[in-house]
Amino acid sequence: MDRESRRRKPTQERARVTVEAIIEATAQLLVEDGYARTSTNRIARRAGVSVGSLYHYFGDKDAIVDAVIERVLERQLAALTEALSAHADMALEPAVRGLVGAVLASQRIEAELSHVLLTQCARGDREPLDSRWKRRLTDLLAAQMLSGLPVRPQNVELAAYVVVHGVFAIIRDALSERPELIRGDALTHELTELVVRYLRA
């Protein structure tokens, strides 16, 4: 039986509050102390619940980390989905500029936590956060933006894959090696040029 099937789903408001407190406590400890030093005992103390209550909803520490990953992913993708919808009816260049800006903005959401999840929480049985993020964004981009724009690639799904993975790789490198680029407008401009030239019919 996998971790997700062992986790009990909160059905009442009090239970939902408890689960959210456990997830938030885990997120805080991961940022403060890293994955290795974060334990279920420390999570329970930070969340203000008993260890027994914690295990009522989560099978182990990694099940809670999975929930943290899902929360970060959903928050980032919610911001991206809103931005994609706002730029869906624009011409190619402003649409791409909006997309690139939205991707950069989404990566600023819980950036420290995302870094820990990406670098310390990889497991063989867990799909990495960045892989899940890129797969979901690729689907969103193909369905919500590229399908309505006059683009050169005939295979819209493949074009979305190329755009997402190319942009994501540059942004991830900038986050770790050139963080000043994330704060300014120069990177947004250059990435927009790169993507527009690739997509332009």
C-alpha atoms as a PDB file:
ATOM      1  CA  MET A   1       0.000   0.000   0.000  1.00  0.00           C
ATOM      2  CA  ASP A   2       1.544   3.351  -1.001  1.00  0.00           C
ATOM      3  CA  ARG A   3       1.840   6.456   1.157  1.00  0.00           C
ATOM      4  CA  GLU A   4      -1.068   8.225  -0.512  1.00  0.00           C
ATOM      5  CA  SER A   5      -3.467   5.363   0.142  1.00  0.00           C
ATOM      6  CA  ARG A   6      -2.392   5.237   3.806  1.00  0.00           C
ATOM      7  CA  ARG A   7      -3.130   8.916   4.285  1.00  0.00           C
ATOM      8  CA  ARG A   8      -6.581   9.596   5.721  1.00  0.00           C
ATOM      9  CA  LYS A   9      -8.473  12.356   4.001  1.00  0.00           C
ATOM     10  CA  PRO A  10      -9.688  15.164   6.273  1.00  0.00           C
ATOM     11  CA  THR A  11     -13.452  15.496   5.975  1.00  0.00           C
ATOM     12  CA  GLN A  12     -14.227  17.972   8.755  1.00  0.00           C
ATOM     13  CA  GLU A  13     -12.998  21.538   9.174  1.00  0.00           C
ATOM     14  CA  ARG A  14     -11.017  20.722  12.311  1.00  0.00           C
ATOM     15  CA  ALA A  15      -9.257  17.875  10.513  1.00  0.00           C
ATOM     16  CA  ARG A  16      -8.485  20.098   7.535  1.00  0.00           C
ATOM     17  CA  VAL A  17      -6.983  22.705   9.849  1.00  0.00           C
ATOM     18  CA  THR A  18      -4.815  20.034  11.462  1.00  0.00           C
ATOM     19  CA  VAL A  19      -3.583  18.735   8.122  1.00  0.00           C
ATOM     20  CA  GLU A  20      -2.797  22.261   6.913  1.00  0.00           C
ATOM     21  CA  ALA A  21      -0.883  22.977  10.148  1.00  0.00           C
ATOM     22  CA  ILE A  22       1.211  19.835   9.603  1.00  0.00           C
ATOM     23  CA  ILE A  23       1.963  20.762   5.995  1.00  0.00           C
ATOM     24  CA  GLU A  24       2.853  24.356   6.913  1.00  0.00           C
ATOM     25  CA  ALA A  25       5.084  23.221   9.790  1.00  0.00           C
ATOM     26  CA  THR A  26       6.905  20.863   7.436  1.00  0.00           C
ATOM     27  CA  ALA A  27       7.416  23.630   4.887  1.00  0.00           C
ATOM     28  CA  GLN A  28       8.880  25.904   7.564  1.00  0.00           C
ATOM     29  CA  LEU A  29      11.243  23.240   8.904  1.00  0.00           C
ATOM     30  CA  LEU A  30      12.436  22.265   5.444  1.00  0.00           C
ATOM     31  CA  VAL A  31      13.459  25.866   4.766  1.00  0.00           C
ATOM     32  CA  GLU A  32      14.993  26.400   8.212  1.00  0.00           C
ATOM     33  CA  ASP A  33      16.781  23.096   8.749  1.00  0.00           C
ATOM     34  CA  GLY A  34      16.678  21.068   5.540  1.00  0.00           C
ATOM     35  CA  TYR A  35      15.188  17.690   4.725  1.00  0.00           C
ATOM     36  CA  ALA A  36      17.563  15.499   6.758  1.00  0.00           C
ATOM     37  CA  ARG A  37      16.946  17.322  10.065  1.00  0.00           C
ATOM     38  CA  THR A  38      13.189  17.515   9.609  1.00  0.00           C
ATOM     39  CA  SER A  39      11.508  14.681  11.514  1.00  0.00           C
ATOM     40  CA  THR A  40       7.905  13.786  12.255  1.00  0.00           C
ATOM     41  CA  ASN A  41       8.492  14.597  15.948  1.00  0.00           C
ATOM     42  CA  ARG A  42       9.738  18.081  15.114  1.00  0.00           C
ATOM     43  CA  ILE A  43       6.909  18.590  12.631  1.00  0.00           C
ATOM     44  CA  ALA A  44       4.319  17.615  15.243  1.00  0.00           C
ATOM     45  CA  ARG A  45       5.824  19.993  17.810  1.00  0.00           C
ATOM     46  CA  ARG A  46       5.903  22.875  15.326  1.00  0.00           C
ATOM     47  CA  ALA A  47       2.336  22.166  14.195  1.00  0.00           C
ATOM     48  CA  GLY A  48       1.078  21.953  17.778  1.00  0.00           C
ATOM     49  CA  VAL A  49      -0.309  18.422  17.380  1.00  0.00           C
ATOM     50  CA  SER A  50       0.568  15.030  18.800  1.00  0.00           C
ATOM     51  CA  VAL A  51       2.668  12.587  16.816  1.00  0.00           C
ATOM     52  CA  GLY A  52      -0.328  10.256  16.878  1.00  0.00           C
ATOM     53  CA  SER A  53      -2.459  12.916  15.196  1.00  0.00           C
ATOM     54  CA  LEU A  54       0.218  13.387  12.565  1.00  0.00           C
ATOM     55  CA  TYR A  55       0.290   9.671  11.768  1.00  0.00           C
ATOM     56  CA  HIS A  56      -3.493   9.655  11.618  1.00  0.00           C
ATOM     57  CA  TYR A  57      -3.220  11.569   8.337  1.00  0.00           C
ATOM     58  CA  PHE A  58       0.289  10.816   7.039  1.00  0.00           C
ATOM     59  CA  GLY A  59       2.141   7.515   6.879  1.00  0.00           C
ATOM     60  CA  ASP A  60       5.609   9.042   7.259  1.00  0.00           C
ATOM     61  CA  LYS A  61       7.692  12.166   6.716  1.00  0.00           C
ATOM     62  CA  ASP A  62       7.859  11.651   2.977  1.00  0.00           C
ATOM     63  CA  ALA A  63       4.080  11.551   2.709  1.00  0.00           C
ATOM     64  CA  ILE A  64       4.004  15.032   4.272  1.00  0.00           C
ATOM     65  CA  VAL A  65       6.756  16.216   1.930  1.00  0.00           C
ATOM     66  CA  ASP A  66       4.647  14.962  -0.979  1.00  0.00           C
ATOM     67  CA  ALA A  67       1.798  17.135   0.294  1.00  0.00           C
ATOM     68  CA  VAL A  68       4.141  20.128   0.558  1.00  0.00           C
ATOM     69  CA  ILE A  69       5.307  19.558  -3.016  1.00  0.00           C
ATOM     70  CA  GLU A  70       1.713  19.393  -4.232  1.00  0.00           C
ATOM     71  CA  ARG A  71       0.839  22.620  -2.420  1.00  0.00           C
ATOM     72  CA  VAL A  72       3.780  24.519  -3.923  1.00  0.00           C
ATOM     73  CA  LEU A  73       2.991  23.140  -7.352  1.00  0.00           C
ATOM     74  CA  GLU A  74      -0.665  24.117  -7.137  1.00  0.00           C
ATOM     75  CA  ARG A  75       0.140  27.659  -5.993  1.00  0.00           C
ATOM     76  CA  GLN A  76       2.648  28.189  -8.782  1.00  0.00           C
ATOM     77  CA  LEU A  77       0.379  26.700 -11.428  1.00  0.00           C
ATOM     78  CA  ALA A  78      -2.606  28.711 -10.225  1.00  0.00           C
ATOM     79  CA  ALA A  79      -0.643  31.912 -10.848  1.00  0.00           C
ATOM     80  CA  LEU A  80       0.451  30.635 -14.253  1.00  0.00           C
ATOM     81  CA  THR A  81      -3.037  29.535 -15.275  1.00  0.00           C
ATOM     82  CA  GLU A  82      -4.406  32.979 -14.469  1.00  0.00           C
ATOM     83  CA  ALA A  83      -1.643  34.640 -16.483  1.00  0.00           C
ATOM     84  CA  LEU A  84      -2.130  32.320 -19.455  1.00  0.00           C
ATOM     85  CA  SER A  85      -5.847  33.061 -19.492  1.00  0.00           C
ATOM     86  CA  ALA A  86      -5.161  36.793 -19.387  1.00  0.00           C
ATOM     87  CA  HIS A  87      -2.805  36.598 -22.381  1.00  0.00           C
ATOM     88  CA  ALA A  88      -4.629  33.967 -24.420  1.00  0.00           C
ATOM     89  CA  ASP A  89      -6.199  36.424 -26.891  1.00  0.00           C
ATOM     90  CA  MET A  90      -3.126  38.599 -27.449  1.00  0.00           C
ATOM     91  CA  ALA A  91      -0.772  38.642 -30.416  1.00  0.00           C
ATOM     92  CA  LEU A  92       2.263  36.381 -30.305  1.00  0.00           C
ATOM     93  CA  GLU A  93       4.889  38.719 -28.843  1.00  0.00           C
ATOM     94  CA  PRO A  94       2.839  40.237 -25.984  1.00  0.00           C
ATOM     95  CA  ALA A  95       1.424  36.792 -25.221  1.00  0.00           C
ATOM     96  CA  VAL A  96       4.916  35.313 -24.941  1.00  0.00           C
ATOM     97  CA  ARG A  97       6.134  38.270 -22.887  1.00  0.00           C
ATOM     98  CA  GLY A  98       3.245  37.721 -20.503  1.00  0.00           C
ATOM     99  CA  LEU A  99       4.015  33.998 -20.329  1.00  0.00           C
ATOM    100  CA  VAL A 100       7.703  34.550 -19.568  1.00  0.00           C
ATOM    101  CA  GLY A 101       6.859  37.144 -16.934  1.00  0.00           C
ATOM    102  CA  ALA A 102       4.353  34.765 -15.358  1.00  0.00           C
ATOM    103  CA  VAL A 103       6.876  31.930 -15.252  1.00  0.00           C
ATOM    104  CA  LEU A 104       9.419  34.198 -13.571  1.00  0.00           C
ATOM    105  CA  ALA A 105       6.801  35.394 -11.090  1.00  0.00           C
ATOM    106  CA  SER A 106       5.700  31.838 -10.310  1.00  0.00           C
ATOM    107  CA  GLN A 107       9.257  30.844  -9.490  1.00  0.00           C
ATOM    108  CA  ARG A 108       9.370  33.575  -6.856  1.00  0.00           C
ATOM    109  CA  ILE A 109       6.468  31.912  -5.013  1.00  0.00           C
ATOM    110  CA  GLU A 110       8.023  30.074  -2.052  1.00  0.00           C
ATOM    111  CA  ALA A 111      11.387  30.180  -3.841  1.00  0.00           C
ATOM    112  CA  GLU A 112      13.429  29.000  -0.822  1.00  0.00           C
ATOM    113  CA  LEU A 113      11.106  26.077  -0.214  1.00  0.00           C
ATOM    114  CA  SER A 114      11.123  25.129  -3.897  1.00  0.00           C
ATOM    115  CA  HIS A 115      14.934  25.095  -3.834  1.00  0.00           C
ATOM    116  CA  VAL A 116      14.948  22.674  -0.887  1.00  0.00           C
ATOM    117  CA  LEU A 117      12.337  20.446  -2.506  1.00  0.00           C
ATOM    118  CA  LEU A 118      14.314  20.348  -5.753  1.00  0.00           C
ATOM    119  CA  THR A 119      17.747  19.755  -4.261  1.00  0.00           C
ATOM    120  CA  GLN A 120      17.141  17.722  -1.089  1.00  0.00           C
ATOM    121  CA  CYS A 121      13.886  15.813  -1.487  1.00  0.00           C
ATOM    122  CA  ALA A 122      14.470  13.728  -4.603  1.00  0.00           C
ATOM    123  CA  ARG A 123      13.555  10.041  -4.265  1.00  0.00           C
ATOM    124  CA  GLY A 124      13.403   7.222  -6.743  1.00  0.00           C
ATOM    125  CA  ASP A 125       9.671   6.715  -6.138  1.00  0.00           C
ATOM    126  CA  ARG A 126       8.761  10.428  -6.314  1.00  0.00           C
ATOM    127  CA  GLU A 127       8.365  12.438  -9.482  1.00  0.00           C
ATOM    128  CA  PRO A 128      10.545  15.543  -8.984  1.00  0.00           C
ATOM    129  CA  LEU A 129       8.856  18.892  -8.458  1.00  0.00           C
ATOM    130  CA  ASP A 130      10.404  20.416 -11.576  1.00  0.00           C
ATOM    131  CA  SER A 131       9.291  17.483 -13.747  1.00  0.00           C
ATOM    132  CA  ARG A 132       5.714  17.758 -12.520  1.00  0.00           C
ATOM    133  CA  TRP A 133       5.785  21.524 -12.955  1.00  0.00           C
ATOM    134  CA  LYS A 134       7.096  21.341 -16.542  1.00  0.00           C
ATOM    135  CA  ARG A 135       4.646  18.604 -17.530  1.00  0.00           C
ATOM    136  CA  ARG A 136       1.651  20.512 -16.199  1.00  0.00           C
ATOM    137  CA  LEU A 137       2.775  23.813 -17.740  1.00  0.00           C
ATOM    138  CA  THR A 138       3.403  22.139 -21.090  1.00  0.00           C
ATOM    139  CA  ASP A 139      -0.182  20.889 -21.107  1.00  0.00           C
ATOM    140  CA  LEU A 140      -1.502  24.317 -20.112  1.00  0.00           C
ATOM    141  CA  LEU A 141       0.555  26.139 -22.722  1.00  0.00           C
ATOM    142  CA  ALA A 142      -0.503  23.833 -25.540  1.00  0.00           C
ATOM    143  CA  ALA A 143      -4.172  23.995 -24.603  1.00  0.00           C
ATOM    144  CA  GLN A 144      -4.592  27.625 -23.590  1.00  0.00           C
ATOM    145  CA  MET A 145      -2.134  29.683 -25.627  1.00  0.00           C
ATOM    146  CA  LEU A 146      -0.410  28.040 -28.560  1.00  0.00           C
ATOM    147  CA  SER A 147      -3.544  26.423 -29.945  1.00  0.00           C
ATOM    148  CA  GLY A 148      -4.967  29.912 -30.611  1.00  0.00           C
ATOM    149  CA  LEU A 149      -1.855  31.595 -32.027  1.00  0.00           C
ATOM    150  CA  PRO A 150      -0.386  31.521 -35.555  1.00  0.00           C
ATOM    151  CA  VAL A 151       2.852  29.691 -34.767  1.00  0.00           C
ATOM    152  CA  ARG A 152       5.376  28.058 -37.079  1.00  0.00           C
ATOM    153  CA  PRO A 153       5.618  24.578 -35.481  1.00  0.00           C
ATOM    154  CA  GLN A 154       2.809  22.352 -36.668  1.00  0.00           C
ATOM    155  CA  ASN A 155       3.049  20.122 -33.620  1.00  0.00           C
ATOM    156  CA  VAL A 156       1.725  22.408 -30.881  1.00  0.00           C
ATOM    157  CA  GLU A 157       2.356  19.899 -28.094  1.00  0.00           C
ATOM    158  CA  LEU A 158       6.001  19.544 -29.131  1.00  0.00           C
ATOM    159  CA  ALA A 159       6.374  23.322 -29.434  1.00  0.00           C
ATOM    160  CA  ALA A 160       4.999  23.747 -25.913  1.00  0.00           C
ATOM    161  CA  TYR A 161       7.463  21.129 -24.655  1.00  0.00           C
ATOM    162  CA  VAL A 162      10.414  22.925 -26.270  1.00  0.00           C
ATOM    163  CA  VAL A 163       9.346  26.337 -24.959  1.00  0.00           C
ATOM    164  CA  VAL A 164       8.690  25.193 -21.401  1.00  0.00           C
ATOM    165  CA  HIS A 165      11.849  23.124 -21.016  1.00  0.00           C
ATOM    166  CA  GLY A 166      14.053  25.754 -22.651  1.00  0.00           C
ATOM    167  CA  VAL A 167      12.712  28.662 -20.607  1.00  0.00           C
ATOM    168  CA  PHE A 168      12.625  26.640 -17.399  1.00  0.00           C
ATOM    169  CA  ALA A 169      16.266  25.532 -17.776  1.00  0.00           C
ATOM    170  CA  ILE A 170      17.454  29.138 -18.187  1.00  0.00           C
ATOM    171  CA  ILE A 171      15.365  30.423 -15.277  1.00  0.00           C
ATOM    172  CA  ARG A 172      16.509  27.614 -12.971  1.00  0.00           C
ATOM    173  CA  ASP A 173      20.149  28.351 -13.803  1.00  0.00           C
ATOM    174  CA  ALA A 174      19.586  32.058 -13.210  1.00  0.00           C
ATOM    175  CA  LEU A 175      17.948  31.354  -9.843  1.00  0.00           C
ATOM    176  CA  SER A 176      21.031  29.494  -8.647  1.00  0.00           C
ATOM    177  CA  GLU A 177      23.837  31.282 -10.517  1.00  0.00           C
ATOM    178  CA  ARG A 178      22.572  34.767 -11.479  1.00  0.00           C
ATOM    179  CA  PRO A 179      19.714  35.682  -9.124  1.00  0.00           C
ATOM    180  CA  GLU A 180      19.995  39.364 -10.042  1.00  0.00           C
ATOM    181  CA  LEU A 181      18.638  38.477 -13.482  1.00  0.00           C
ATOM    182  CA  ILE A 182      15.373  37.265 -11.954  1.00  0.00           C
ATOM    183  CA  ARG A 183      14.705  40.660 -10.377  1.00  0.00           C
ATOM    184  CA  GLY A 184      15.202  42.764 -13.508  1.00  0.00           C
ATOM    185  CA  ASP A 185      13.561  43.012 -16.924  1.00  0.00           C
ATOM    186  CA  ALA A 186      16.534  42.077 -19.117  1.00  0.00           C
ATOM    187  CA  LEU A 187      16.025  38.317 -18.815  1.00  0.00           C
ATOM    188  CA  THR A 188      12.314  38.633 -19.585  1.00  0.00           C
ATOM    189  CA  HIS A 189      13.176  40.553 -22.754  1.00  0.00           C
ATOM    190  CA  GLU A 190      15.808  38.064 -23.937  1.00  0.00           C
ATOM    191  CA  LEU A 191      13.635  35.024 -23.227  1.00  0.00           C
ATOM    192  CA  THR A 192      10.732  36.660 -25.050  1.00  0.00           C
ATOM    193  CA  GLU A 193      12.962  37.230 -28.089  1.00  0.00           C
ATOM    194  CA  LEU A 194      14.161  33.634 -27.956  1.00  0.00           C
ATOM    195  CA  VAL A 195      10.667  32.134 -27.776  1.00  0.00           C
ATOM    196  CA  VAL A 196       9.074  34.506 -30.313  1.00  0.00           C
ATOM    197  CA  ARG A 197      11.771  33.788 -32.904  1.00  0.00           C
ATOM    198  CA  TYR A 198      11.223  30.067 -32.412  1.00  0.00           C
ATOM    199  CA  LEU A 199       7.438  30.252 -32.647  1.00  0.00           C
ATOM    200  CA  ARG A 200       6.928  32.983 -35.235  1.00  0.00           C
ATOM    201  CA  ALA A 201       5.210  31.722 -38.395  1.00  0.00           C
END
